[in-house]
Every structure is written in structure tokens, then in C-alpha cells.
């Protein structure tokens, strides 16, 4: 009683033959835009970070993702020893190193 009867559309209206193609074209265009705006810059950043980690050496001044700054005293395969104060060393994962600071940055602080 509350729901009206649904009637099927008559077979007189022909479907638009280009409707499917424009939808596929729009979807492809959206994927291309997403690639250039989101995926490509992220891959570039990841490549730069990997190069930064591969170039780490003893004596580099680094900042971790957690905000701890210090000087690299030892570089291992997956870990780095960082001296954060005179005689105080911590062991951090290489991937946790966020940036290499310019030489002399920590000496002036």
C-alpha cells in the first residue's frame, strides 16, 4: 500500500553507443592524473630517502623522525649508532633517520 508499483521502461529508447567509451576514457584520465599527482612524487621521495640512507657515514649529523639530533658514530646494515650527547649513544634503525644536517649544525646549538 505504501510502495507504488514499479513499471519497467519501454523498449523504445535506444542506448547511447558512446556512453560506455566516455566513461572508460574518464576513468583512464583520472588514473593518469592520480599517477602524476600522488604516486610519482611519493616514489621520488622514497628513492631520495633510500639514497640518503645509503650515503650515511660516520661523522654525519642527523635528525631522526622522532626529533632526536646527533652525530653518527657507527653505521651497520640496518642500524645506526647516534651520539646525542657526550658519551651517550643510542641505536636507531636506519629508516628512522629523517634528514642529514649540514656539518656544524649541532656544534653551535
PDB file of N, CA and C in Angstrom:
ATOM      1  N   UNK A   1       0.807  -1.180   0.000  1.00  0.00           N
ATOM      2  CA  UNK A   1       0.000   0.000   0.000  1.00  0.00           C
ATOM      3  C   UNK A   1       0.867   1.267   0.000  1.00  0.00           C
ATOM      4  N   UNK A   2       1.944   1.247   0.756  1.00  0.00           N
ATOM      5  CA  UNK A   2       2.779   2.428   0.826  1.00  0.00           C
ATOM      6  C   UNK A   2       3.785   2.502  -0.317  1.00  0.00           C
ATOM      7  N   UNK A   3       4.072   1.374  -0.950  1.00  0.00           N
ATOM      8  CA  UNK A   3       5.033   1.334  -2.045  1.00  0.00           C
ATOM      9  C   UNK A   3       4.262   1.294  -3.351  1.00  0.00           C
ATOM     10  N   UNK A   4       4.585   2.260  -4.236  1.00  0.00           N
ATOM     11  CA  UNK A   4       3.889   2.277  -5.521  1.00  0.00           C
ATOM     12  C   UNK A   4       4.454   1.190  -6.420  1.00  0.00           C
ATOM     13  N   UNK A   5       3.676   0.799  -7.389  1.00  0.00           N
ATOM     14  CA  UNK A   5       4.089  -0.244  -8.313  1.00  0.00           C
ATOM     15  C   UNK A   5       5.157   0.293  -9.248  1.00  0.00           C
ATOM     16  N   UNK A   6       6.244  -0.449  -9.445  1.00  0.00           N
ATOM     17  CA  UNK A   6       7.315  -0.044 -10.348  1.00  0.00           C
ATOM     18  C   UNK A   6       7.023  -0.586 -11.729  1.00  0.00           C
ATOM     19  N   UNK A   7       7.182   0.252 -12.736  1.00  0.00           N
ATOM     20  CA  UNK A   7       6.937  -0.168 -14.106  1.00  0.00           C
ATOM     21  C   UNK A   7       8.255  -0.156 -14.862  1.00  0.00           C
ATOM     22  N   UNK A   8       8.465  -1.154 -15.675  1.00  0.00           N
ATOM     23  CA  UNK A   8       9.681  -1.240 -16.480  1.00  0.00           C
ATOM     24  C   UNK A   8       9.598  -0.245 -17.620  1.00  0.00           C
ATOM     25  N   UNK A   9      10.754   0.268 -18.037  1.00  0.00           N
ATOM     26  CA  UNK A   9      10.797   1.213 -19.138  1.00  0.00           C
ATOM     27  C   UNK A   9      10.494   0.477 -20.441  1.00  0.00           C
ATOM     28  N   UNK A  10       9.840   1.151 -21.299  1.00  0.00           N
ATOM     29  CA  UNK A  10       9.518   0.509 -22.572  1.00  0.00           C
ATOM     30  C   UNK A  10      10.766   0.369 -23.418  1.00  0.00           C
ATOM     31  N   UNK A  11      10.771  -0.516 -24.363  1.00  0.00           N
ATOM     32  CA  UNK A  11      11.931  -0.824 -25.191  1.00  0.00           C
ATOM     33  C   UNK A  11      12.136   0.178 -26.309  1.00  0.00           C
ATOM     34  N   UNK A  12      11.415   1.293 -26.332  1.00  0.00           N
ATOM     35  CA  UNK A  12      11.500   2.252 -27.414  1.00  0.00           C
ATOM     36  C   UNK A  12      12.775   3.086 -27.394  1.00  0.00           C
ATOM     37  N   UNK A  13      13.397   3.354 -26.255  1.00  0.00           N
ATOM     38  CA  UNK A  13      14.573   4.237 -26.170  1.00  0.00           C
ATOM     39  C   UNK A  13      15.831   3.433 -26.445  1.00  0.00           C
ATOM     40  N   UNK A  14      16.638   3.912 -27.391  1.00  0.00           N
ATOM     41  CA  UNK A  14      17.897   3.238 -27.726  1.00  0.00           C
ATOM     42  C   UNK A  14      19.010   3.766 -26.831  1.00  0.00           C
ATOM     43  N   UNK A  15      19.938   2.913 -26.454  1.00  0.00           N
ATOM     44  CA  UNK A  15      21.059   3.304 -25.598  1.00  0.00           C
ATOM     45  C   UNK A  15      22.070   4.110 -26.416  1.00  0.00           C
ATOM     46  N   UNK A  16      22.761   5.065 -25.760  1.00  0.00           N
ATOM     47  CA  UNK A  16      23.783   5.892 -26.419  1.00  0.00           C
ATOM     48  C   UNK A  16      25.028   5.041 -26.635  1.00  0.00           C
ATOM     49  N   UNK A  17      25.471   4.837 -27.876  1.00  0.00           N
ATOM     50  CA  UNK A  17      26.618   3.963 -28.121  1.00  0.00           C
ATOM     51  C   UNK A  17      27.949   4.532 -27.625  1.00  0.00           C
ATOM     52  N   UNK A  18      28.058   5.851 -27.418  1.00  0.00           N
ATOM     53  CA  UNK A  18      29.322   6.441 -26.946  1.00  0.00           C
ATOM     54  C   UNK A  18      29.364   6.571 -25.437  1.00  0.00           C
ATOM     55  N   UNK A  19      28.307   6.261 -24.738  1.00  0.00           N
ATOM     56  CA  UNK A  19      28.256   6.414 -23.283  1.00  0.00           C
ATOM     57  C   UNK A  19      29.294   5.571 -22.570  1.00  0.00           C
ATOM     58  N   UNK A  20      29.497   4.352 -23.002  1.00  0.00           N
ATOM     59  CA  UNK A  20      30.464   3.468 -22.360  1.00  0.00           C
ATOM     60  C   UNK A  20      31.897   3.919 -22.608  1.00  0.00           C
ATOM     61  N   UNK A  21      32.176   4.392 -23.819  1.00  0.00           N
ATOM     62  CA  UNK A  21      33.533   4.827 -24.162  1.00  0.00           C
ATOM     63  C   UNK A  21      33.948   6.066 -23.378  1.00  0.00           C
ATOM     64  N   UNK A  22      33.049   7.016 -23.218  1.00  0.00           N
ATOM     65  CA  UNK A  22      33.406   8.238 -22.488  1.00  0.00           C
ATOM     66  C   UNK A  22      33.639   7.934 -21.009  1.00  0.00           C
ATOM     67  N   UNK A  23      32.912   6.968 -20.485  1.00  0.00           N
ATOM     68  CA  UNK A  23      33.127   6.581 -19.090  1.00  0.00           C
ATOM     69  C   UNK A  23      34.488   5.944 -18.891  1.00  0.00           C
ATOM     70  N   UNK A  24      34.878   5.085 -19.822  1.00  0.00           N
ATOM     71  CA  UNK A  24      36.192   4.441 -19.747  1.00  0.00           C
ATOM     72  C   UNK A  24      37.302   5.472 -19.932  1.00  0.00           C
ATOM     73  N   UNK A  25      37.076   6.411 -20.870  1.00  0.00           N
ATOM     74  CA  UNK A  25      38.054   7.469 -21.114  1.00  0.00           C
ATOM     75  C   UNK A  25      38.240   8.337 -19.872  1.00  0.00           C
ATOM     76  N   UNK A  26      37.149   8.678 -19.214  1.00  0.00           N
ATOM     77  CA  UNK A  26      37.213   9.496 -17.991  1.00  0.00           C
ATOM     78  C   UNK A  26      37.945   8.745 -16.883  1.00  0.00           C
ATOM     79  N   UNK A  27      37.692   7.458 -16.755  1.00  0.00           N
ATOM     80  CA  UNK A  27      38.363   6.648 -15.731  1.00  0.00           C
ATOM     81  C   UNK A  27      39.865   6.592 -16.001  1.00  0.00           C
ATOM     82  N   UNK A  28      40.252   6.405 -17.260  1.00  0.00           N
ATOM     83  CA  UNK A  28      41.667   6.375 -17.618  1.00  0.00           C
ATOM     84  C   UNK A  28      42.340   7.708 -17.348  1.00  0.00           C
ATOM     85  N   UNK A  29      41.653   8.791 -17.667  1.00  0.00           N
ATOM     86  CA  UNK A  29      42.190  10.125 -17.412  1.00  0.00           C
ATOM     87  C   UNK A  29      42.390  10.355 -15.915  1.00  0.00           C
ATOM     88  N   UNK A  30      41.455   9.911 -15.101  1.00  0.00           N
ATOM     89  CA  UNK A  30      41.586  10.051 -13.647  1.00  0.00           C
ATOM     90  C   UNK A  30      42.789   9.259 -13.119  1.00  0.00           C
ATOM     91  N   UNK A  31      43.004   8.063 -13.646  1.00  0.00           N
ATOM     92  CA  UNK A  31      44.144   7.260 -13.218  1.00  0.00           C
ATOM     93  C   UNK A  31      45.469   7.929 -13.580  1.00  0.00           C
ATOM     94  N   UNK A  32      45.552   8.517 -14.765  1.00  0.00           N
ATOM     95  CA  UNK A  32      46.764   9.213 -15.189  1.00  0.00           C
ATOM     96  C   UNK A  32      47.029  10.414 -14.294  1.00  0.00           C
ATOM     97  N   UNK A  33      45.998  11.179 -13.979  1.00  0.00           N
ATOM     98  CA  UNK A  33      46.147  12.348 -13.105  1.00  0.00           C
ATOM     99  C   UNK A  33      46.596  11.911 -11.714  1.00  0.00           C
ATOM    100  N   UNK A  34      45.992  10.854 -11.185  1.00  0.00           N
ATOM    101  CA  UNK A  34      46.388  10.361  -9.853  1.00  0.00           C
ATOM    102  C   UNK A  34      47.844   9.903  -9.852  1.00  0.00           C
ATOM    103  N   UNK A  35      48.291   9.275 -10.942  1.00  0.00           N
ATOM    104  CA  UNK A  35      49.670   8.826 -11.019  1.00  0.00           C
ATOM    105  C   UNK A  35      50.627  10.012 -10.925  1.00  0.00           C
ATOM    106  N   UNK A  36      50.372  11.054 -11.697  1.00  0.00           N
ATOM    107  CA  UNK A  36      51.288  12.189 -11.720  1.00  0.00           C
ATOM    108  C   UNK A  36      51.190  13.069 -10.478  1.00  0.00           C
ATOM    109  N   UNK A  37      50.043  13.103  -9.810  1.00  0.00           N
ATOM    110  CA  UNK A  37      49.895  13.957  -8.634  1.00  0.00           C
ATOM    111  C   UNK A  37      50.200  13.259  -7.317  1.00  0.00           C
ATOM    112  N   UNK A  38      50.053  11.932  -7.264  1.00  0.00           N
ATOM    113  CA  UNK A  38      50.220  11.244  -5.986  1.00  0.00           C
ATOM    114  C   UNK A  38      51.309  10.177  -6.008  1.00  0.00           C
ATOM    115  N   UNK A  39      51.248   9.273  -6.937  1.00  0.00           N
ATOM    116  CA  UNK A  39      52.126   8.105  -6.906  1.00  0.00           C
ATOM    117  C   UNK A  39      53.551   8.457  -7.295  1.00  0.00           C
ATOM    118  N   UNK A  40      53.728   9.212  -8.369  1.00  0.00           N
ATOM    119  CA  UNK A  40      55.069   9.551  -8.854  1.00  0.00           C
ATOM    120  C   UNK A  40      55.875  10.373  -7.836  1.00  0.00           C
ATOM    121  N   UNK A  41      55.305  11.431  -7.209  1.00  0.00           N
ATOM    122  CA  UNK A  41      56.079  12.170  -6.202  1.00  0.00           C
ATOM    123  C   UNK A  41      56.455  11.305  -4.996  1.00  0.00           C
ATOM    124  N   UNK A  42      55.572  10.396  -4.597  1.00  0.00           N
ATOM    125  CA  UNK A  42      55.869   9.521  -3.468  1.00  0.00           C
ATOM    126  C   UNK A  42      57.022   8.583  -3.803  1.00  0.00           C
ATOM    127  N   UNK A  43      57.038   8.058  -5.026  1.00  0.00           N
ATOM    128  CA  UNK A  43      58.135   7.180  -5.429  1.00  0.00           C
ATOM    129  C   UNK A  43      59.451   7.954  -5.487  1.00  0.00           C
ATOM    130  N   UNK A  44      59.406   9.197  -5.927  1.00  0.00           N
ATOM    131  CA  UNK A  44      60.606  10.034  -5.988  1.00  0.00           C
ATOM    132  C   UNK A  44      61.146  10.293  -4.588  1.00  0.00           C
ATOM    133  N   UNK A  45      60.243  10.617  -3.638  1.00  0.00           N
ATOM    134  CA  UNK A  45      60.664  10.846  -2.249  1.00  0.00           C
ATOM    135  C   UNK A  45      61.283   9.587  -1.644  1.00  0.00           C
ATOM    136  N   UNK A  46      60.696   8.420  -1.924  1.00  0.00           N
ATOM    137  CA  UNK A  46      61.225   7.166  -1.399  1.00  0.00           C
ATOM    138  C   UNK A  46      62.617   6.881  -1.960  1.00  0.00           C
ATOM    139  N   UNK A  47      62.827   7.171  -3.236  1.00  0.00           N
ATOM    140  CA  UNK A  47      64.136   6.963  -3.856  1.00  0.00           C
ATOM    141  C   UNK A  47      65.184   7.898  -3.247  1.00  0.00           C
ATOM    142  N   UNK A  48      64.810   9.162  -2.995  1.00  0.00           N
ATOM    143  CA  UNK A  48      65.733  10.118  -2.376  1.00  0.00           C
ATOM    144  C   UNK A  48      66.092   9.688  -0.951  1.00  0.00           C
ATOM    145  N   UNK A  49      65.102   9.184  -0.194  1.00  0.00           N
ATOM    146  CA  UNK A  49      65.361   8.749   1.180  1.00  0.00           C
ATOM    147  C   UNK A  49      66.276   7.534   1.199  1.00  0.00           C
ATOM    148  N   UNK A  50      66.093   6.612   0.257  1.00  0.00           N
ATOM    149  CA  UNK A  50      66.967   5.442   0.174  1.00  0.00           C
ATOM    150  C   UNK A  50      68.398   5.865  -0.148  1.00  0.00           C
ATOM    151  N   UNK A  51      68.563   6.830  -1.050  1.00  0.00           N
ATOM    152  CA  UNK A  51      69.902   7.333  -1.377  1.00  0.00           C
ATOM    153  C   UNK A  51      70.539   8.009  -0.165  1.00  0.00           C
ATOM    154  N   UNK A  52      69.743   8.736   0.611  1.00  0.00           N
ATOM    155  CA  UNK A  52      70.236   9.375   1.837  1.00  0.00           C
ATOM    156  C   UNK A  52      70.734   8.326   2.821  1.00  0.00           C
ATOM    157  N   UNK A  53      69.978   7.246   2.997  1.00  0.00           N
ATOM    158  CA  UNK A  53      70.362   6.197   3.942  1.00  0.00           C
ATOM    159  C   UNK A  53      71.604   5.443   3.466  1.00  0.00           C
ATOM    160  N   UNK A  54      71.714   5.229   2.163  1.00  0.00           N
ATOM    161  CA  UNK A  54      72.888   4.534   1.631  1.00  0.00           C
ATOM    162  C   UNK A  54      74.152   5.370   1.770  1.00  0.00           C
ATOM    163  N   UNK A  55      74.015   6.691   1.796  1.00  0.00           N
ATOM    164  CA  UNK A  55      75.167   7.584   1.870  1.00  0.00           C
ATOM    165  C   UNK A  55      75.570   7.935   3.303  1.00  0.00           C
ATOM    166  N   UNK A  56      74.860   7.396   4.302  1.00  0.00           N
ATOM    167  CA  UNK A  56      75.217   7.702   5.698  1.00  0.00           C
ATOM    168  C   UNK A  56      76.629   7.233   6.006  1.00  0.00           C
ATOM    169  N   UNK A  57      77.365   8.080   6.722  1.00  0.00           N
ATOM    170  CA  UNK A  57      78.739   7.740   7.085  1.00  0.00           C
ATOM    171  C   UNK A  57      79.024   8.246   8.486  1.00  0.00           C
ATOM    172  N   UNK A  58      80.086   7.726   9.072  1.00  0.00           N
ATOM    173  CA  UNK A  58      80.496   8.137  10.407  1.00  0.00           C
ATOM    174  C   UNK A  58      80.826   9.633  10.375  1.00  0.00           C
ATOM    175  N   UNK A  59      80.318  10.353  11.382  1.00  0.00           N
ATOM    176  CA  UNK A  59      80.565  11.789  11.481  1.00  0.00           C
ATOM    177  C   UNK A  59      79.436  12.648  10.932  1.00  0.00           C
ATOM    178  N   UNK A  60      78.473  12.047  10.226  1.00  0.00           N
ATOM    179  CA  UNK A  60      77.331  12.821   9.728  1.00  0.00           C
ATOM    180  C   UNK A  60      76.441  13.242  10.889  1.00  0.00           C
ATOM    181  N   UNK A  61      75.910  14.447  10.796  1.00  0.00           N
ATOM    182  CA  UNK A  61      74.959  14.924  11.790  1.00  0.00           C
ATOM    183  C   UNK A  61      73.559  14.669  11.236  1.00  0.00           C
ATOM    184  N   UNK A  62      72.746  13.950  12.018  1.00  0.00           N
ATOM    185  CA  UNK A  62      71.440  13.513  11.531  1.00  0.00           C
ATOM    186  C   UNK A  62      70.328  13.921  12.488  1.00  0.00           C
ATOM    187  N   UNK A  63      69.105  13.934  11.925  1.00  0.00           N
ATOM    188  CA  UNK A  63      67.896  14.159  12.709  1.00  0.00           C
ATOM    189  C   UNK A  63      66.988  12.971  12.439  1.00  0.00           C
ATOM    190  N   UNK A  64      66.511  12.321  13.504  1.00  0.00           N
ATOM    191  CA  UNK A  64      65.618  11.172  13.332  1.00  0.00           C
ATOM    192  C   UNK A  64      64.192  11.661  13.129  1.00  0.00           C
ATOM    193  N   UNK A  65      63.326  10.749  12.715  1.00  0.00           N
ATOM    194  CA  UNK A  65      61.915  11.092  12.540  1.00  0.00           C
ATOM    195  C   UNK A  65      61.268  11.472  13.862  1.00  0.00           C
ATOM    196  N   UNK A  66      61.815  11.016  14.964  1.00  0.00           N
ATOM    197  CA  UNK A  66      61.292  11.338  16.286  1.00  0.00           C
ATOM    198  C   UNK A  66      61.797  12.665  16.827  1.00  0.00           C
ATOM    199  N   UNK A  67      62.710  13.320  16.106  1.00  0.00           N
ATOM    200  CA  UNK A  67      63.200  14.625  16.524  1.00  0.00           C
ATOM    201  C   UNK A  67      64.505  14.596  17.298  1.00  0.00           C
ATOM    202  N   UNK A  68      65.143  13.446  17.399  1.00  0.00           N
ATOM    203  CA  UNK A  68      66.415  13.330  18.109  1.00  0.00           C
ATOM    204  C   UNK A  68      67.543  13.669  17.138  1.00  0.00           C
ATOM    205  N   UNK A  69      68.394  14.608  17.548  1.00  0.00           N
ATOM    206  CA  UNK A  69      69.519  15.014  16.701  1.00  0.00           C
ATOM    207  C   UNK A  69      70.811  14.506  17.319  1.00  0.00           C
ATOM    208  N   UNK A  70      71.740  14.095  16.468  1.00  0.00           N
ATOM    209  CA  UNK A  70      73.020  13.604  16.961  1.00  0.00           C
ATOM    210  C   UNK A  70      73.981  13.342  15.827  1.00  0.00           C
ATOM    211  N   UNK A  71      75.161  12.838  16.212  1.00  0.00           N
ATOM    212  CA  UNK A  71      76.224  12.553  15.257  1.00  0.00           C
ATOM    213  C   UNK A  71      76.373  11.048  15.113  1.00  0.00           C
ATOM    214  N   UNK A  72      76.475  10.569  13.879  1.00  0.00           N
ATOM    215  CA  UNK A  72      76.616   9.138  13.609  1.00  0.00           C
ATOM    216  C   UNK A  72      78.011   8.689  14.032  1.00  0.00           C
ATOM    217  N   UNK A  73      78.049   7.631  14.857  1.00  0.00           N
ATOM    218  CA  UNK A  73      79.338   7.093  15.296  1.00  0.00           C
ATOM    219  C   UNK A  73      79.629   5.729  14.674  1.00  0.00           C
ATOM    220  N   UNK A  74      78.568   5.041  14.244  1.00  0.00           N
ATOM    221  CA  UNK A  74      78.759   3.721  13.632  1.00  0.00           C
ATOM    222  C   UNK A  74      77.582   3.425  12.712  1.00  0.00           C
ATOM    223  N   UNK A  75      77.877   2.869  11.544  1.00  0.00           N
ATOM    224  CA  UNK A  75      76.838   2.512  10.581  1.00  0.00           C
ATOM    225  C   UNK A  75      76.872   1.000  10.384  1.00  0.00           C
ATOM    226  N   UNK A  76      75.728   0.355  10.603  1.00  0.00           N
ATOM    227  CA  UNK A  76      75.591  -1.085  10.378  1.00  0.00           C
ATOM    228  C   UNK A  76      74.638  -1.303   9.212  1.00  0.00           C
ATOM    229  N   UNK A  77      74.275  -2.569   8.971  1.00  0.00           N
ATOM    230  CA  UNK A  77      73.366  -2.877   7.862  1.00  0.00           C
ATOM    231  C   UNK A  77      71.995  -2.235   8.051  1.00  0.00           C
ATOM    232  N   UNK A  78      71.376  -2.459   9.197  1.00  0.00           N
ATOM    233  CA  UNK A  78      70.017  -1.970   9.425  1.00  0.00           C
ATOM    234  C   UNK A  78      69.936  -0.917  10.525  1.00  0.00           C
ATOM    235  N   UNK A  79      71.026  -0.720  11.271  1.00  0.00           N
ATOM    236  CA  UNK A  79      71.007   0.197  12.405  1.00  0.00           C
ATOM    237  C   UNK A  79      72.141   1.209  12.318  1.00  0.00           C
ATOM    238  N   UNK A  80      71.979   2.302  13.055  1.00  0.00           N
ATOM    239  CA  UNK A  80      72.974   3.362  13.121  1.00  0.00           C
ATOM    240  C   UNK A  80      73.128   3.748  14.584  1.00  0.00           C
ATOM    241  N   UNK A  81      74.381   3.897  15.054  1.00  0.00           N
ATOM    242  CA  UNK A  81      74.621   4.410  16.392  1.00  0.00           C
ATOM    243  C   UNK A  81      74.770   5.916  16.293  1.00  0.00           C
ATOM    244  N   UNK A  82      73.977   6.623  17.105  1.00  0.00           N
ATOM    245  CA  UNK A  82      73.977   8.082  17.076  1.00  0.00           C
ATOM    246  C   UNK A  82      74.358   8.595  18.458  1.00  0.00           C
ATOM    247  N   UNK A  83      75.365   9.473  18.510  1.00  0.00           N
ATOM    248  CA  UNK A  83      75.771  10.096  19.772  1.00  0.00           C
ATOM    249  C   UNK A  83      74.948  11.363  19.938  1.00  0.00           C
ATOM    250  N   UNK A  84      74.070  11.365  20.970  1.00  0.00           N
ATOM    251  CA  UNK A  84      73.173  12.502  21.169  1.00  0.00           C
ATOM    252  C   UNK A  84      73.726  13.485  22.186  1.00  0.00           C
ATOM    253  N   UNK A  85      74.669  13.038  22.983  1.00  0.00           N
ATOM    254  CA  UNK A  85      75.338  13.888  23.958  1.00  0.00           C
ATOM    255  C   UNK A  85      76.711  13.287  24.197  1.00  0.00           C
ATOM    256  N   UNK A  86      77.566  13.989  24.853  1.00  0.00           N
ATOM    257  CA  UNK A  86      78.912  13.494  25.105  1.00  0.00           C
ATOM    258  C   UNK A  86      78.862  12.186  25.891  1.00  0.00           C
ATOM    259  N   UNK A  87      79.248  11.100  25.244  1.00  0.00           N
ATOM    260  CA  UNK A  87      79.265   9.788  25.888  1.00  0.00           C
ATOM    261  C   UNK A  87      77.935   9.061  25.874  1.00  0.00           C
ATOM    262  N   UNK A  88      76.901   9.636  25.315  1.00  0.00           N
ATOM    263  CA  UNK A  88      75.583   8.999  25.279  1.00  0.00           C
ATOM    264  C   UNK A  88      75.269   8.622  23.831  1.00  0.00           C
ATOM    265  N   UNK A  89      75.195   7.313  23.573  1.00  0.00           N
ATOM    266  CA  UNK A  89      74.906   6.822  22.235  1.00  0.00           C
ATOM    267  C   UNK A  89      73.614   6.026  22.248  1.00  0.00           C
ATOM    268  N   UNK A  90      72.842   6.175  21.195  1.00  0.00           N
ATOM    269  CA  UNK A  90      71.624   5.381  21.040  1.00  0.00           C
ATOM    270  C   UNK A  90      71.705   4.635  19.715  1.00  0.00           C
ATOM    271  N   UNK A  91      70.992   3.527  19.650  1.00  0.00           N
ATOM    272  CA  UNK A  91      70.948   2.714  18.447  1.00  0.00           C
ATOM    273  C   UNK A  91      69.575   2.914  17.804  1.00  0.00           C
ATOM    274  N   UNK A  92      69.560   3.394  16.568  1.00  0.00           N
ATOM    275  CA  UNK A  92      68.291   3.622  15.863  1.00  0.00           C
ATOM    276  C   UNK A  92      68.307   2.883  14.532  1.00  0.00           C
ATOM    277  N   UNK A  93      67.138   2.568  14.040  1.00  0.00           N
ATOM    278  CA  UNK A  93      67.043   1.950  12.726  1.00  0.00           C
ATOM    279  C   UNK A  93      67.422   2.984  11.668  1.00  0.00           C
ATOM    280  N   UNK A  94      68.038   2.506  10.599  1.00  0.00           N
ATOM    281  CA  UNK A  94      68.408   3.414   9.511  1.00  0.00           C
ATOM    282  C   UNK A  94      67.181   4.125   8.948  1.00  0.00           C
ATOM    283  N   UNK A  95      66.086   3.407   8.838  1.00  0.00           N
ATOM    284  CA  UNK A  95      64.886   4.003   8.259  1.00  0.00           C
ATOM    285  C   UNK A  95      64.308   5.122   9.121  1.00  0.00           C
ATOM    286  N   UNK A  96      64.717   5.200  10.398  1.00  0.00           N
ATOM    287  CA  UNK A  96      64.235   6.249  11.288  1.00  0.00           C
ATOM    288  C   UNK A  96      64.993   7.562  11.103  1.00  0.00           C
ATOM    289  N   UNK A  97      66.072   7.549  10.342  1.00  0.00           N
ATOM    290  CA  UNK A  97      66.815   8.776  10.074  1.00  0.00           C
ATOM    291  C   UNK A  97      66.023   9.572   9.049  1.00  0.00           C
ATOM    292  N   UNK A  98      65.630  10.789   9.432  1.00  0.00           N
ATOM    293  CA  UNK A  98      64.805  11.611   8.558  1.00  0.00           C
ATOM    294  C   UNK A  98      65.588  12.559   7.691  1.00  0.00           C
ATOM    295  N   UNK A  99      66.718  13.069   8.209  1.00  0.00           N
ATOM    296  CA  UNK A  99      67.476  14.054   7.442  1.00  0.00           C
ATOM    297  C   UNK A  99      68.922  14.068   7.898  1.00  0.00           C
ATOM    298  N   UNK A 100      69.805  14.432   6.981  1.00  0.00           N
ATOM    299  CA  UNK A 100      71.207  14.660   7.309  1.00  0.00           C
ATOM    300  C   UNK A 100      71.379  16.168   7.395  1.00  0.00           C
ATOM    301  N   UNK A 101      71.858  16.633   8.539  1.00  0.00           N
ATOM    302  CA  UNK A 101      72.020  18.064   8.772  1.00  0.00           C
ATOM    303  C   UNK A 101      73.349  18.554   8.217  1.00  0.00           C
ATOM    304  N   UNK A 102      73.446  19.843   7.906  1.00  0.00           N
ATOM    305  CA  UNK A 102      74.729  20.395   7.463  1.00  0.00           C
ATOM    306  C   UNK A 102      75.780  20.283   8.572  1.00  0.00           C
ATOM    307  N   UNK A 103      77.039  20.100   8.175  1.00  0.00           N
ATOM    308  CA  UNK A 103      78.128  19.959   9.148  1.00  0.00           C
ATOM    309  C   UNK A 103      78.194  21.205  10.036  1.00  0.00           C
ATOM    310  N   UNK A 104      78.377  20.975  11.337  1.00  0.00           N
ATOM    311  CA  UNK A 104      78.494  22.067  12.294  1.00  0.00           C
ATOM    312  C   UNK A 104      77.187  22.539  12.873  1.00  0.00           C
ATOM    313  N   UNK A 105      76.090  21.963  12.477  1.00  0.00           N
ATOM    314  CA  UNK A 105      74.781  22.402  12.984  1.00  0.00           C
ATOM    315  C   UNK A 105      74.638  22.129  14.466  1.00  0.00           C
ATOM    316  N   UNK A 106      75.084  20.968  14.919  1.00  0.00           N
ATOM    317  CA  UNK A 106      74.908  20.599  16.328  1.00  0.00           C
ATOM    318  C   UNK A 106      75.971  21.222  17.224  1.00  0.00           C
ATOM    319  N   UNK A 107      77.093  21.611  16.678  1.00  0.00           N
ATOM    320  CA  UNK A 107      78.146  22.215  17.493  1.00  0.00           C
ATOM    321  C   UNK A 107      77.750  23.612  17.970  1.00  0.00           C
ATOM    322  N   UNK A 108      76.945  24.317  17.165  1.00  0.00           N
ATOM    323  CA  UNK A 108      76.546  25.680  17.535  1.00  0.00           C
ATOM    324  C   UNK A 108      75.360  25.676  18.482  1.00  0.00           C
ATOM    325  N   UNK A 109      74.650  24.561  18.597  1.00  0.00           N
ATOM    326  CA  UNK A 109      73.444  24.517  19.454  1.00  0.00           C
ATOM    327  C   UNK A 109      73.802  24.334  20.899  1.00  0.00           C
TER     328      UNK A 109
END
